[in-house]
Amino acid sequence: MAGLTLTQKKSLLAEYLKAETKILKGQSYTIKDRTLERADLRWVQAERRRLSEEIEAEEGSRKIRSRRAVPRDL
């Protein structure tokens, strides 16, 4: 998601998780003669995974990587 900050991405990820939970609790329901369906579960899960990977990649690139060297006499 180009143009979003890390904070915005994390917020959006939380919304995807809420949506997924609602879908899992009841994909469709009927009132009288009308049937209503929630969003597509597969699409929400795919977007959640993709966004999670983006967040992990962005957080991973910010981590300080250090290496330790131990001098040894040969």
C-alpha atoms as a PDB file:
ATOM      1  CA  MET A   1       0.000   0.000   0.000  1.00  0.00           C
ATOM      2  CA  ALA A   2       1.973   2.883  -1.307  1.00  0.00           C
ATOM      3  CA  GLY A   3       1.781   6.140   0.543  1.00  0.00           C
ATOM      4  CA  LEU A   4       0.700   4.758   3.909  1.00  0.00           C
ATOM      5  CA  THR A   5       2.783   5.170   7.031  1.00  0.00           C
ATOM      6  CA  LEU A   6       3.661   2.208   9.215  1.00  0.00           C
ATOM      7  CA  THR A   7       1.140   3.399  11.820  1.00  0.00           C
ATOM      8  CA  GLN A   8      -1.607   3.598   9.193  1.00  0.00           C
ATOM      9  CA  LYS A   9      -0.749   0.114   7.943  1.00  0.00           C
ATOM     10  CA  LYS A  10      -0.942  -1.293  11.475  1.00  0.00           C
ATOM     11  CA  SER A  11      -4.310   0.387  11.984  1.00  0.00           C
ATOM     12  CA  LEU A  12      -5.590  -1.032   8.697  1.00  0.00           C
ATOM     13  CA  LEU A  13      -4.322  -4.475   9.675  1.00  0.00           C
ATOM     14  CA  ALA A  14      -6.358  -4.256  12.892  1.00  0.00           C
ATOM     15  CA  GLU A  15      -9.440  -3.429  10.814  1.00  0.00           C
ATOM     16  CA  TYR A  16      -8.820  -6.431   8.548  1.00  0.00           C
ATOM     17  CA  LEU A  17      -8.587  -8.648  11.631  1.00  0.00           C
ATOM     18  CA  LYS A  18     -11.911  -7.275  12.929  1.00  0.00           C
ATOM     19  CA  ALA A  19     -13.537  -7.843   9.540  1.00  0.00           C
ATOM     20  CA  GLU A  20     -12.199 -11.389   9.366  1.00  0.00           C
ATOM     21  CA  THR A  21     -13.581 -12.125  12.832  1.00  0.00           C
ATOM     22  CA  LYS A  22     -17.013 -10.781  11.895  1.00  0.00           C
ATOM     23  CA  ILE A  23     -17.052 -12.829   8.696  1.00  0.00           C
ATOM     24  CA  LEU A  24     -16.046 -15.982  10.582  1.00  0.00           C
ATOM     25  CA  LYS A  25     -18.841 -15.456  13.110  1.00  0.00           C
ATOM     26  CA  GLY A  26     -21.428 -15.397  10.360  1.00  0.00           C
ATOM     27  CA  GLN A  27     -20.779 -15.174   6.643  1.00  0.00           C
ATOM     28  CA  SER A  28     -24.420 -14.614   5.765  1.00  0.00           C
ATOM     29  CA  TYR A  29     -27.721 -14.106   7.491  1.00  0.00           C
ATOM     30  CA  THR A  30     -31.361 -13.922   6.493  1.00  0.00           C
ATOM     31  CA  ILE A  31     -34.036 -11.462   7.540  1.00  0.00           C
ATOM     32  CA  LYS A  32     -37.463 -12.481   6.321  1.00  0.00           C
ATOM     33  CA  ASP A  33     -36.974 -13.159   2.614  1.00  0.00           C
ATOM     34  CA  ARG A  34     -33.677 -11.252   2.205  1.00  0.00           C
ATOM     35  CA  THR A  35     -30.265 -12.846   2.537  1.00  0.00           C
ATOM     36  CA  LEU A  36     -27.315 -10.595   3.252  1.00  0.00           C
ATOM     37  CA  GLU A  37     -23.693 -11.639   2.853  1.00  0.00           C
ATOM     38  CA  ARG A  38     -20.588 -10.172   4.412  1.00  0.00           C
ATOM     39  CA  ALA A  39     -17.370  -9.504   2.492  1.00  0.00           C
ATOM     40  CA  ASP A  40     -15.447 -12.293   0.800  1.00  0.00           C
ATOM     41  CA  LEU A  41     -13.430 -14.118   3.474  1.00  0.00           C
ATOM     42  CA  ARG A  42     -10.679 -15.215   1.069  1.00  0.00           C
ATOM     43  CA  TRP A  43     -10.123 -11.656  -0.126  1.00  0.00           C
ATOM     44  CA  VAL A  44      -9.966 -10.257   3.423  1.00  0.00           C
ATOM     45  CA  GLN A  45      -7.507 -12.980   4.480  1.00  0.00           C
ATOM     46  CA  ALA A  46      -5.316 -12.389   1.418  1.00  0.00           C
ATOM     47  CA  GLU A  47      -5.211  -8.635   2.060  1.00  0.00           C
ATOM     48  CA  ARG A  48      -4.451  -9.217   5.746  1.00  0.00           C
ATOM     49  CA  ARG A  49      -1.543 -11.525   4.866  1.00  0.00           C
ATOM     50  CA  ARG A  50      -0.189  -9.105   2.267  1.00  0.00           C
ATOM     51  CA  LEU A  51      -0.378  -6.185   4.670  1.00  0.00           C
ATOM     52  CA  SER A  52       1.265  -8.233   7.437  1.00  0.00           C
ATOM     53  CA  GLU A  53       4.137  -9.069   5.098  1.00  0.00           C
ATOM     54  CA  GLU A  54       4.541  -5.393   4.182  1.00  0.00           C
ATOM     55  CA  ILE A  55       4.642  -4.407   7.857  1.00  0.00           C
ATOM     56  CA  GLU A  56       7.158  -7.148   8.692  1.00  0.00           C
ATOM     57  CA  ALA A  57       9.366  -6.119   5.761  1.00  0.00           C
ATOM     58  CA  GLU A  58       9.218  -2.470   6.746  1.00  0.00           C
ATOM     59  CA  GLU A  59       9.935  -3.198  10.410  1.00  0.00           C
ATOM     60  CA  GLY A  60      12.690  -5.603   9.424  1.00  0.00           C
ATOM     61  CA  SER A  61      14.427  -2.983   7.349  1.00  0.00           C
ATOM     62  CA  ARG A  62      14.476  -0.637  10.347  1.00  0.00           C
ATOM     63  CA  LYS A  63      16.107  -3.091  12.723  1.00  0.00           C
ATOM     64  CA  ILE A  64      19.705  -2.424  13.602  1.00  0.00           C
ATOM     65  CA  ARG A  65      21.809  -5.309  12.509  1.00  0.00           C
ATOM     66  CA  SER A  66      25.112  -5.763  14.207  1.00  0.00           C
ATOM     67  CA  ARG A  67      27.678  -8.461  14.009  1.00  0.00           C
ATOM     68  CA  ARG A  68      30.068  -9.494  16.679  1.00  0.00           C
ATOM     69  CA  ALA A  69      33.565 -10.532  15.879  1.00  0.00           C
ATOM     70  CA  VAL A  70      35.748 -12.381  18.302  1.00  0.00           C
ATOM     71  CA  PRO A  71      39.482 -12.072  17.606  1.00  0.00           C
ATOM     72  CA  ARG A  72      41.350 -15.346  17.903  1.00  0.00           C
ATOM     73  CA  ASP A  73      45.032 -16.108  18.020  1.00  0.00           C
ATOM     74  CA  LEU A  74      46.082 -18.584  15.405  1.00  0.00           C
END
